[in-house]
Amino acid sequence: MKMNENFLTLLDTFTKEKGLVRFQIDSYNDFVTRRIPKVLSEIGTIKPEVPELGEFKIKLGEFKIGEPQVKEADGSVRPILPLEARIRNLTYSAPMFIEMTPVLNKIESDTIVVNFGDLPVMVKSKICPLSTMSKQELIENGEDPEDAGGYFIINGTERILVLVEEIASNRVITAKVSSGNVTDIARIHSEKDGYIQRHLIERKNDGTVTISFANVNKLPVVILLKALGLEADKDLVNAISLDPQVQEEFYINLYESEVQTKHDGLDAIGTHIKIPQKEYRIDRAIKLIDRYLLPHLGQTPENRLEKALFLAKAVGKLMKLHLNKIEPDDLDHYSNKRLKQAGDLLEILLRAILLGKWGLITRITYNYQKLTKRGRLPPLQAIVESNVLTNQLVSALAIGSWVGGRTGVSQRLERGSYIKTVSHMRNVLSPLTSTQEHFEARELHPTHWAKLCTSETPEGATIGLRKYLAIMAEVTKGVAEKEKKGLTNYLEKAADSK
């Protein structure tokens, strides 16, 4: 009895101080305060090609977000609270504004604040008025004072973004295989700005090593390493490993390749991806390795050597695995997994809407060119179709279909009971399909202890793939790539000094 009282006291304190869905609210707040301005600053300028005007561009400035509001049929705009959105089947959203400055022939015009779309507001987030209300004020406004928030109201329906489980990005994960002529593989999921570029390094029965990424399939890894700048065989082998056994295991790759210089390597990559015109081969190969090879390390020519060294270490790890000098990585170990939260998922969606083939930026450029050719100089608000961003955000949250073909990311909030509601908001989805066995992925792993509930998972096809956070588990924040590099450099210097 005493133990139960102590546990309830601990749980009550945890709920008040940490919150059961606080991680989702914090992730959304980070999306609003840091991630949206970051995406817009990366775009920087919009450059419609308007020869009639001369050199013209639109500079993007400071981002702001308003308070949740509704636009009535008579055109009036007023603040709104979640209760009214539920009753009237409205979307609980707030307008987003950005400063736009037209620059014609290097002369700046007046800066204009433009509404470029409405963002669905997470209940109890920093832009939701409920987050600052007392218990009494919440009751007066028709809200449950014990409601944790962390969900959206889309067309009057309460919807949540579930946690999505993914393999940890930017690290080398090795495994032994026994299919076909491949003996060992290494996976690298390189992530930059929410997009993941998958790399697969394979060792074949004859000892040759190939890499596949983007639209490159089974390219001999020596060709890529030489194209990146490791031209001397000695430098290349030493970069892979200083262990003589590992070096000897890799020598067959040097004998198989006829590439000697960086230029030969780039030409061989162009030939491998079937570019017939010799003058285009080198250019296509350069764009390929700069833009799509390990983008998390950078996407400029200055990053090529760093990419070569990272790739060499990955190949070295693969060789050590084949020689049984190291154990294969456990893909189901939870240190090799990461959870995508509301902020991560919304950032991926926002980038796709802004920068997609027919995204908002493309539409702004097209509208400006079209109206200018008619002899008109259109106002900026007229060319920004704010309903494009609004409709696509609302549609994704209402249906649950996300960028990259994901489905079920957004779900209707379970309101059967308070426990069901909290449980649903702490749901963790695996990206694996439920139609295949995936026995190891479904099994309970020792690293799930105290992170995931060891008993709560549905019966049937999704058993083990749909999981739930343990009752007092928290989701920690990730570390930015710049901070990671700084920490790595510090640890390396500390190790050298010892």
Protein backbone atom coordinates (compact mmCIF):
# COMPACT_ATOMS: atom_id res chain seq x y z
CA MET A 1 0.00 0.00 0.00
CA LYS A 2 2.84 2.35 0.93
CA MET A 3 4.60 1.58 -2.36
CA ASN A 4 1.44 2.44 -4.33
CA GLU A 5 1.14 5.80 -2.50
CA ASN A 6 4.78 6.63 -3.21
CA PHE A 7 4.36 5.74 -6.89
CA LEU A 8 1.22 7.87 -7.24
CA THR A 9 3.00 10.82 -5.58
CA LEU A 10 5.95 10.38 -7.94
CA LEU A 11 3.66 10.11 -10.98
CA ASP A 12 1.69 13.19 -9.92
CA THR A 13 4.92 15.20 -9.53
CA PHE A 14 6.22 13.94 -12.90
CA THR A 15 2.94 14.89 -14.61
CA LYS A 16 3.01 18.43 -13.18
CA GLU A 17 6.72 19.15 -13.74
CA LYS A 18 7.49 17.22 -16.95
CA GLY A 19 4.08 16.52 -18.47
CA LEU A 20 2.96 13.37 -20.26
CA VAL A 21 2.99 14.98 -23.73
CA ARG A 22 5.34 17.90 -23.06
CA PHE A 23 7.87 16.50 -25.60
CA GLN A 24 5.36 17.04 -28.45
CA ILE A 25 4.55 20.60 -27.32
CA ASP A 26 8.26 21.44 -26.95
CA SER A 27 8.94 20.03 -30.42
CA TYR A 28 6.13 22.16 -31.93
CA ASN A 29 7.36 25.29 -30.09
CA ASP A 30 10.86 24.64 -31.49
CA PHE A 31 9.34 24.31 -34.97
CA VAL A 32 7.64 27.71 -34.67
CA THR A 33 10.51 29.63 -33.04
CA ARG A 34 13.56 28.08 -34.73
CA ARG A 35 12.79 25.76 -37.61
CA ILE A 36 10.41 27.91 -39.70
CA PRO A 37 12.78 30.95 -39.63
CA LYS A 38 15.67 28.58 -40.49
CA VAL A 39 13.84 27.19 -43.56
CA LEU A 40 12.96 30.71 -44.75
CA SER A 41 16.50 32.03 -44.18
CA GLU A 42 17.88 29.12 -46.24
CA ILE A 43 15.63 30.18 -49.13
CA GLY A 44 16.87 33.77 -48.62
CA THR A 45 15.80 35.30 -51.92
CA ILE A 46 13.30 34.57 -54.69
CA LYS A 47 14.52 35.45 -58.19
CA PRO A 48 11.78 35.68 -60.83
CA GLU A 49 13.29 36.02 -64.32
CA VAL A 50 11.78 39.28 -65.54
CA PRO A 51 13.92 40.67 -68.43
CA GLU A 52 11.50 43.61 -68.88
CA LEU A 53 12.42 44.97 -65.44
CA GLY A 54 16.15 44.14 -65.37
CA GLU A 55 17.81 42.49 -62.38
CA PHE A 56 14.99 41.73 -59.96
CA LYS A 57 14.73 39.67 -56.76
CA ILE A 58 12.62 39.47 -53.60
CA LYS A 59 14.51 39.32 -50.29
CA LEU A 60 12.88 37.38 -47.45
CA GLY A 61 13.20 38.94 -43.99
CA GLU A 62 11.90 38.36 -40.49
CA PHE A 63 9.23 35.73 -39.77
CA LYS A 64 6.29 36.32 -37.38
CA ILE A 65 3.26 34.32 -36.38
CA GLY A 66 -0.04 35.78 -35.20
CA GLU A 67 -2.56 34.51 -32.65
CA PRO A 68 -5.19 31.85 -33.52
CA GLN A 69 -8.02 33.49 -35.43
CA VAL A 70 -11.00 32.86 -37.69
CA LYS A 71 -12.13 34.72 -40.79
CA GLU A 72 -15.90 35.09 -40.88
CA ALA A 73 -18.12 35.10 -43.96
CA ASP A 74 -18.40 38.91 -43.86
CA GLY A 75 -14.59 39.22 -44.08
CA SER A 76 -14.03 40.16 -40.43
CA VAL A 77 -11.20 38.48 -38.52
CA ARG A 78 -11.27 37.77 -34.79
CA PRO A 79 -9.49 35.59 -32.19
CA ILE A 80 -10.68 32.01 -31.65
CA LEU A 81 -10.30 29.39 -28.92
CA PRO A 82 -10.27 25.55 -29.33
CA LEU A 83 -13.86 25.08 -28.06
CA GLU A 84 -15.34 27.23 -30.83
CA ALA A 85 -13.19 25.44 -33.45
CA ARG A 86 -14.57 22.08 -32.26
CA ILE A 87 -18.21 23.22 -32.21
CA ARG A 88 -18.13 25.01 -35.60
CA ASN A 89 -15.95 22.41 -37.39
CA LEU A 90 -13.18 24.96 -37.98
CA THR A 91 -9.41 24.54 -38.18
CA TYR A 92 -7.62 26.02 -35.17
CA SER A 93 -4.85 27.95 -36.93
CA ALA A 94 -2.80 31.15 -36.85
CA PRO A 95 -1.55 33.33 -39.74
CA MET A 96 2.16 33.38 -40.64
CA PHE A 97 3.81 36.56 -41.87
CA ILE A 98 7.13 37.26 -43.53
CA GLU A 99 8.87 40.50 -44.52
CA MET A 100 9.44 40.77 -48.28
CA THR A 101 11.66 43.42 -49.85
CA PRO A 102 11.62 43.91 -53.68
CA VAL A 103 15.11 44.70 -55.04
CA LEU A 104 15.19 46.12 -58.60
CA ASN A 105 18.62 46.74 -60.15
CA LYS A 106 20.18 46.67 -56.64
CA ILE A 107 17.78 49.35 -55.36
CA GLU A 108 15.59 48.21 -52.45
CA SER A 109 11.93 49.22 -52.24
CA ASP A 110 9.83 49.43 -49.07
CA THR A 111 9.59 46.23 -47.02
CA ILE A 112 6.11 44.70 -46.98
CA VAL A 113 4.77 42.20 -44.41
CA VAL A 114 2.99 39.43 -46.33
CA ASN A 115 0.71 36.63 -45.07
CA PHE A 116 1.98 33.44 -46.75
CA GLY A 117 -0.36 30.93 -45.09
CA ASP A 118 -2.03 29.73 -41.90
CA LEU A 119 -0.36 27.22 -39.58
CA PRO A 120 -2.50 24.73 -37.59
CA VAL A 121 -1.94 25.51 -33.89
CA MET A 122 -1.14 22.78 -31.38
CA VAL A 123 -3.38 23.09 -28.30
CA LYS A 124 -1.40 24.29 -25.23
CA SER A 125 1.61 25.34 -27.36
CA LYS A 126 3.18 28.79 -26.83
CA ILE A 127 0.96 30.43 -29.50
CA CYS A 128 -2.22 28.92 -28.00
CA PRO A 129 -3.94 31.22 -25.42
CA LEU A 130 -4.79 28.16 -23.26
CA SER A 131 -1.08 27.75 -22.36
CA THR A 132 -1.19 30.91 -20.18
CA MET A 133 -4.62 30.38 -18.58
CA SER A 134 -5.23 29.32 -14.98
CA LYS A 135 -7.46 26.34 -14.10
CA GLN A 136 -10.41 28.62 -13.44
CA GLU A 137 -9.97 30.45 -16.76
CA LEU A 138 -9.78 27.11 -18.62
CA ILE A 139 -13.07 26.00 -17.03
CA GLU A 140 -14.72 29.33 -17.92
CA ASN A 141 -13.64 28.85 -21.56
CA GLY A 142 -15.11 25.34 -21.72
CA GLU A 143 -11.81 23.44 -21.50
CA ASP A 144 -10.83 20.51 -19.30
CA PRO A 145 -8.17 21.86 -16.88
CA GLU A 146 -6.51 18.39 -16.84
CA ASP A 147 -6.27 18.22 -20.64
CA ALA A 148 -2.55 17.93 -21.52
CA GLY A 149 -2.87 19.46 -25.02
CA GLY A 150 -0.41 18.37 -27.71
CA TYR A 151 -2.99 17.86 -30.49
CA PHE A 152 -4.47 19.88 -33.40
CA ILE A 153 -8.06 20.74 -34.31
CA ILE A 154 -8.57 20.22 -38.06
CA ASN A 155 -12.06 20.93 -39.43
CA GLY A 156 -13.45 20.41 -35.92
CA THR A 157 -11.69 17.04 -35.42
CA GLU A 158 -8.93 16.52 -32.83
CA ARG A 159 -5.87 15.00 -34.52
CA ILE A 160 -2.39 14.11 -33.33
CA LEU A 161 0.99 13.54 -34.99
CA VAL A 162 2.27 10.21 -33.67
CA LEU A 163 5.92 9.54 -32.90
CA VAL A 164 7.63 7.85 -35.86
CA GLU A 165 10.55 5.50 -35.21
CA GLU A 166 13.47 5.63 -37.66
CA ILE A 167 17.04 4.33 -37.92
CA ALA A 168 19.55 6.82 -36.47
CA SER A 169 20.98 9.00 -39.21
CA ASN A 170 24.59 9.93 -40.02
CA ARG A 171 26.16 6.78 -38.61
CA VAL A 172 27.54 3.54 -40.12
CA ILE A 173 25.44 0.47 -39.26
CA THR A 174 26.88 -2.89 -40.38
CA ALA A 175 25.29 -6.31 -40.78
CA LYS A 176 26.14 -9.78 -42.11
CA VAL A 177 23.94 -11.15 -44.89
CA SER A 178 23.64 -14.47 -46.65
CA SER A 179 21.75 -13.57 -49.81
CA GLY A 180 23.21 -13.87 -53.31
CA ASN A 181 26.86 -12.97 -53.73
CA VAL A 182 26.93 -10.38 -50.91
CA THR A 183 28.53 -11.30 -47.57
CA ASP A 184 28.43 -8.06 -45.53
CA ILE A 185 26.69 -4.68 -45.81
CA ALA A 186 26.94 -1.23 -44.22
CA ARG A 187 24.07 1.27 -44.19
CA ILE A 188 24.43 5.05 -43.85
CA HIS A 189 21.31 7.21 -43.63
CA SER A 190 22.69 10.69 -44.31
CA GLU A 191 20.23 13.35 -43.15
CA LYS A 192 20.29 17.05 -44.00
CA ASP A 193 17.42 19.49 -43.45
CA GLY A 194 14.90 16.70 -42.86
CA TYR A 195 15.70 14.77 -46.06
CA ILE A 196 17.41 11.38 -45.80
CA GLN A 197 19.78 10.06 -48.49
CA ARG A 198 20.29 6.33 -48.08
CA HIS A 199 23.69 4.74 -48.85
CA LEU A 200 24.37 1.00 -49.06
CA ILE A 201 27.95 -0.37 -49.06
CA GLU A 202 28.24 -4.07 -50.00
CA ARG A 203 31.13 -6.55 -49.87
CA LYS A 204 30.82 -9.35 -52.45
CA ASN A 205 32.12 -12.91 -52.32
CA ASP A 206 35.18 -12.00 -54.41
CA GLY A 207 36.16 -9.26 -51.92
CA THR A 208 35.15 -6.25 -54.05
CA VAL A 209 33.26 -3.42 -52.34
CA THR A 210 30.52 -1.36 -54.04
CA ILE A 211 28.34 1.57 -52.97
CA SER A 212 24.79 2.50 -53.99
CA PHE A 213 23.18 5.94 -53.40
CA ALA A 214 20.83 8.32 -55.23
CA ASN A 215 20.62 6.95 -58.82
CA VAL A 216 24.05 5.27 -58.58
CA ASN A 217 23.85 1.48 -58.35
CA LYS A 218 26.77 -0.72 -57.21
CA LEU A 219 29.63 1.67 -58.04
CA PRO A 220 33.08 0.26 -57.09
CA VAL A 221 34.03 2.19 -53.96
CA VAL A 222 37.66 2.74 -55.11
CA ILE A 223 36.41 4.85 -58.04
CA LEU A 224 34.44 7.07 -55.67
CA LEU A 225 37.28 7.43 -53.15
CA LYS A 226 39.73 8.47 -55.91
CA ALA A 227 37.20 10.92 -57.38
CA LEU A 228 36.91 12.50 -53.92
CA GLY A 229 40.67 13.16 -53.75
CA LEU A 230 42.36 10.02 -52.32
CA GLU A 231 44.42 9.48 -55.50
CA ALA A 232 47.49 7.73 -54.03
CA ASP A 233 46.88 4.04 -53.25
CA LYS A 234 48.90 4.32 -50.04
CA ASP A 235 46.78 7.24 -48.74
CA LEU A 236 43.57 5.42 -49.68
CA VAL A 237 44.52 2.18 -47.90
CA ASN A 238 45.78 4.02 -44.79
CA ALA A 239 42.52 6.00 -44.63
CA ILE A 240 40.56 2.74 -44.56
CA SER A 241 42.62 1.20 -41.74
CA LEU A 242 46.15 0.90 -40.34
CA ASP A 243 45.54 -2.78 -39.55
CA PRO A 244 47.63 -4.90 -42.03
CA GLN A 245 44.94 -7.63 -42.19
CA VAL A 246 42.22 -5.13 -43.11
CA GLN A 247 44.49 -3.53 -45.71
CA GLU A 248 45.28 -6.92 -47.25
CA GLU A 249 41.57 -7.74 -47.40
CA PHE A 250 40.98 -4.52 -49.35
CA TYR A 251 43.86 -4.86 -51.89
CA ILE A 252 41.72 -6.80 -54.39
CA ASN A 253 39.71 -3.59 -54.96
CA LEU A 254 42.85 -1.71 -56.05
CA TYR A 255 43.79 -4.46 -58.53
CA GLU A 256 40.28 -4.51 -60.02
CA SER A 257 40.22 -0.74 -60.66
CA GLU A 258 42.06 1.02 -63.49
CA VAL A 259 41.30 4.51 -62.13
CA GLN A 260 44.41 6.43 -61.07
CA THR A 261 43.49 10.12 -60.80
CA LYS A 262 40.61 12.29 -59.57
CA HIS A 263 39.67 13.14 -63.18
CA ASP A 264 39.61 9.44 -64.14
CA GLY A 265 37.38 8.74 -61.14
CA LEU A 266 34.86 11.44 -62.09
CA ASP A 267 34.81 10.21 -65.70
CA ALA A 268 34.27 6.61 -64.51
CA ILE A 269 31.32 7.74 -62.33
CA GLY A 270 29.78 9.53 -65.34
CA THR A 271 30.23 6.37 -67.46
CA HIS A 272 28.74 4.20 -64.70
CA ILE A 273 25.55 6.29 -64.60
CA LYS A 274 25.40 6.05 -68.42
CA ILE A 275 26.10 9.63 -69.51
CA PRO A 276 27.10 9.20 -73.19
CA GLN A 277 28.35 12.74 -73.90
CA LYS A 278 31.91 13.04 -72.61
CA GLU A 279 31.62 16.81 -72.00
CA TYR A 280 28.70 16.28 -69.59
CA ARG A 281 30.10 13.28 -67.70
CA ILE A 282 32.43 15.18 -65.38
CA ASP A 283 29.84 17.88 -64.60
CA ARG A 284 27.15 15.30 -63.75
CA ALA A 285 29.58 13.32 -61.60
CA ILE A 286 30.65 16.46 -59.69
CA LYS A 287 27.02 17.46 -59.04
CA LEU A 288 26.25 13.92 -57.91
CA ILE A 289 29.04 13.62 -55.31
CA ASP A 290 28.62 17.19 -54.04
CA ARG A 291 24.83 17.18 -53.72
CA TYR A 292 23.83 13.58 -52.97
CA LEU A 293 26.86 11.84 -51.42
CA LEU A 294 26.78 12.12 -47.59
CA PRO A 295 24.98 15.52 -47.65
CA HIS A 296 25.17 15.83 -43.84
CA LEU A 297 28.92 16.50 -44.19
CA GLY A 298 28.30 19.41 -46.58
CA GLN A 299 27.42 20.01 -50.21
CA THR A 300 30.40 22.03 -51.48
CA PRO A 301 33.71 21.01 -53.15
CA GLU A 302 35.52 21.81 -49.86
CA ASN A 303 33.71 18.86 -48.18
CA ARG A 304 34.96 16.17 -50.59
CA LEU A 305 38.01 15.10 -48.57
CA GLU A 306 35.91 14.88 -45.41
CA LYS A 307 33.44 12.68 -47.31
CA ALA A 308 36.31 10.51 -48.57
CA LEU A 309 37.63 9.95 -45.03
CA PHE A 310 34.14 9.18 -43.65
CA LEU A 311 33.52 6.71 -46.47
CA ALA A 312 36.96 5.11 -45.99
CA LYS A 313 36.22 4.54 -42.28
CA ALA A 314 32.87 2.97 -43.22
CA VAL A 315 34.64 0.58 -45.63
CA GLY A 316 37.22 -0.18 -42.92
CA LYS A 317 34.42 -1.09 -40.51
CA LEU A 318 32.90 -3.37 -43.16
CA MET A 319 36.27 -5.13 -43.67
CA LYS A 320 36.68 -5.62 -39.90
CA LEU A 321 33.20 -7.12 -39.73
CA HIS A 322 34.09 -9.63 -42.47
CA LEU A 323 37.30 -10.59 -40.61
CA ASN A 324 35.25 -11.05 -37.39
CA LYS A 325 37.27 -8.35 -35.64
CA ILE A 326 34.04 -6.58 -34.62
CA GLU A 327 30.45 -7.69 -34.00
CA PRO A 328 27.67 -6.61 -36.42
CA ASP A 329 25.54 -3.69 -35.26
CA ASP A 330 22.19 -4.55 -33.70
CA LEU A 331 19.60 -2.70 -35.78
CA ASP A 332 16.98 -3.24 -33.08
CA HIS A 333 19.14 -1.72 -30.32
CA TYR A 334 17.38 1.50 -29.30
CA SER A 335 20.59 3.54 -29.47
CA ASN A 336 20.36 2.96 -33.24
CA LYS A 337 16.82 4.40 -33.38
CA ARG A 338 15.46 7.95 -33.31
CA LEU A 339 11.92 9.28 -32.88
CA LYS A 340 10.48 11.90 -35.24
CA GLN A 341 8.22 14.26 -33.28
CA ALA A 342 5.63 16.84 -34.37
CA GLY A 343 8.26 19.53 -35.09
CA ASP A 344 10.40 17.19 -37.22
CA LEU A 345 7.41 15.98 -39.25
CA LEU A 346 6.05 19.50 -39.80
CA GLU A 347 9.47 20.78 -40.93
CA ILE A 348 9.70 18.04 -43.57
CA LEU A 349 6.17 18.89 -44.76
CA LEU A 350 6.82 22.67 -44.82
CA ARG A 351 9.99 22.22 -46.91
CA ALA A 352 8.10 20.05 -49.41
CA ILE A 353 5.27 22.61 -49.72
CA LEU A 354 7.62 25.59 -50.11
CA LEU A 355 10.31 24.03 -52.30
CA GLY A 356 8.44 21.28 -54.19
CA LYS A 357 8.07 21.20 -57.99
CA TRP A 358 4.82 23.18 -57.79
CA GLY A 359 5.47 24.58 -54.34
CA LEU A 360 4.76 28.07 -53.06
CA ILE A 361 8.13 29.54 -54.15
CA THR A 362 7.67 28.22 -57.71
CA ARG A 363 4.14 29.66 -57.80
CA ILE A 364 5.35 33.08 -56.60
CA THR A 365 8.00 33.12 -59.36
CA TYR A 366 5.48 32.03 -62.01
CA ASN A 367 2.81 34.55 -60.92
CA TYR A 368 5.28 37.44 -60.97
CA GLN A 369 6.54 36.54 -64.44
CA LYS A 370 2.97 36.11 -65.78
CA LEU A 371 1.66 39.43 -64.46
CA THR A 372 4.79 41.37 -65.45
CA LYS A 373 4.53 40.15 -69.06
CA ARG A 374 1.05 41.70 -69.14
CA GLY A 375 2.63 45.06 -68.38
CA ARG A 376 1.62 45.17 -64.71
CA LEU A 377 3.84 45.47 -61.64
CA PRO A 378 1.87 43.37 -59.16
CA PRO A 379 1.82 43.97 -55.37
CA LEU A 380 3.61 41.23 -53.42
CA GLN A 381 0.55 40.02 -51.49
CA ALA A 382 -1.24 39.46 -54.83
CA ILE A 383 1.40 36.99 -56.06
CA VAL A 384 1.68 35.04 -52.78
CA GLU A 385 -1.05 32.40 -52.81
CA SER A 386 -1.39 31.94 -49.04
CA ASN A 387 -4.18 29.37 -49.48
CA VAL A 388 -1.70 26.97 -51.17
CA LEU A 389 0.35 26.52 -47.99
CA THR A 390 -2.75 26.53 -45.76
CA ASN A 391 -4.64 23.91 -47.77
CA GLN A 392 -1.68 21.53 -48.07
CA LEU A 393 -0.87 21.70 -44.35
CA VAL A 394 -4.51 21.11 -43.40
CA SER A 395 -4.88 18.32 -45.97
CA ALA A 396 -1.82 16.42 -44.67
CA LEU A 397 -3.01 16.70 -41.06
CA ALA A 398 -6.60 15.73 -41.97
CA ILE A 399 -5.69 12.67 -44.09
CA GLY A 400 -2.43 11.51 -42.50
CA SER A 401 -0.51 11.11 -45.80
CA TRP A 402 2.97 12.60 -45.46
CA VAL A 403 6.06 13.37 -47.53
CA GLY A 404 7.89 10.25 -48.72
CA GLY A 405 4.75 8.12 -49.05
CA ARG A 406 4.20 7.70 -45.31
CA THR A 407 0.62 7.08 -44.18
CA GLY A 408 -1.05 7.15 -40.77
CA VAL A 409 1.27 9.88 -39.45
CA SER A 410 -1.72 12.02 -38.41
CA GLN A 411 -4.48 10.17 -36.52
CA ARG A 412 -7.81 11.05 -34.95
CA LEU A 413 -7.28 11.44 -31.20
CA GLU A 414 -8.71 8.59 -29.13
CA ARG A 415 -11.17 10.08 -26.58
CA GLY A 416 -12.60 6.88 -25.07
CA SER A 417 -11.08 7.72 -21.68
CA TYR A 418 -8.35 9.92 -20.22
CA ILE A 419 -5.91 6.96 -20.11
CA LYS A 420 -6.66 6.06 -23.75
CA THR A 421 -6.07 9.67 -24.78
CA VAL A 422 -2.68 9.94 -23.05
CA SER A 423 -1.69 6.48 -24.28
CA HIS A 424 -2.55 7.39 -27.89
CA MET A 425 -0.47 10.56 -27.71
CA ARG A 426 2.53 8.51 -26.55
CA ASN A 427 2.16 6.06 -29.44
CA VAL A 428 5.33 5.08 -31.39
CA LEU A 429 4.97 3.82 -34.98
CA SER A 430 7.53 1.73 -36.84
CA PRO A 431 7.96 2.48 -40.58
CA LEU A 432 8.07 -1.28 -41.32
CA THR A 433 5.09 -2.73 -43.15
CA SER A 434 2.72 -4.91 -41.13
CA THR A 435 2.22 -7.34 -44.06
CA GLN A 436 5.70 -8.88 -43.61
CA GLU A 437 7.08 -10.95 -40.73
CA HIS A 438 9.96 -8.77 -39.38
CA PHE A 439 10.27 -11.16 -36.44
CA GLU A 440 13.32 -9.48 -34.87
CA ALA A 441 11.82 -5.98 -35.18
CA ARG A 442 8.63 -7.13 -33.45
CA GLU A 443 10.39 -8.83 -30.54
CA LEU A 444 10.93 -7.16 -27.17
CA HIS A 445 14.53 -5.91 -26.99
CA PRO A 446 16.43 -5.42 -23.69
CA THR A 447 17.04 -1.75 -24.59
CA HIS A 448 13.27 -1.13 -24.59
CA TRP A 449 13.36 -1.37 -20.79
CA ALA A 450 12.14 1.91 -19.17
CA LYS A 451 11.77 3.51 -22.62
CA LEU A 452 8.86 1.58 -24.12
CA CYS A 453 6.01 -0.24 -22.40
CA THR A 454 6.87 -3.93 -22.40
CA SER A 455 3.26 -5.14 -22.51
CA GLU A 456 1.17 -2.58 -24.41
CA THR A 457 1.07 -3.45 -28.11
CA PRO A 458 -1.93 -4.47 -30.25
CA GLU A 459 -2.74 -8.07 -31.18
CA GLY A 460 -2.65 -8.99 -34.85
CA ALA A 461 -0.69 -7.66 -37.82
CA THR A 462 0.83 -4.63 -36.06
CA ILE A 463 2.03 -6.47 -32.94
CA GLY A 464 5.47 -5.19 -31.96
CA LEU A 465 5.43 -2.52 -34.67
CA ARG A 466 3.05 -0.21 -32.79
CA LYS A 467 4.53 0.55 -29.40
CA TYR A 468 3.94 3.04 -26.57
CA LEU A 469 6.30 5.06 -24.40
CA ALA A 470 6.76 3.82 -20.85
CA ILE A 471 4.75 5.77 -18.27
CA MET A 472 7.64 8.01 -17.12
CA ALA A 473 9.76 7.98 -20.27
CA GLU A 474 10.87 11.27 -21.80
CA VAL A 475 12.06 12.09 -25.32
CA THR A 476 15.35 14.00 -25.27
CA LYS A 477 16.24 16.62 -27.86
CA GLY A 478 18.77 15.99 -30.62
CA VAL A 479 22.04 17.86 -31.01
CA ALA A 480 22.67 20.08 -34.04
CA GLU A 481 25.33 18.87 -36.49
CA LYS A 482 27.61 21.85 -35.70
CA GLU A 483 27.45 21.07 -31.97
CA LYS A 484 28.21 17.39 -32.70
CA LYS A 485 31.34 18.33 -34.66
CA GLY A 486 32.48 20.69 -31.89
CA LEU A 487 31.98 17.98 -29.27
CA THR A 488 33.80 15.39 -31.42
CA ASN A 489 36.78 17.74 -31.91
CA TYR A 490 36.90 18.42 -28.16
CA LEU A 491 36.85 14.70 -27.30
CA GLU A 492 39.58 13.97 -29.89
CA LYS A 493 41.81 16.71 -28.45
CA ALA A 494 41.20 15.43 -24.92
CA ALA A 495 42.15 11.89 -26.02
CA ASP A 496 45.33 13.17 -27.75
CA SER A 497 46.41 15.11 -24.65
CA LYS A 498 46.17 11.93 -22.58
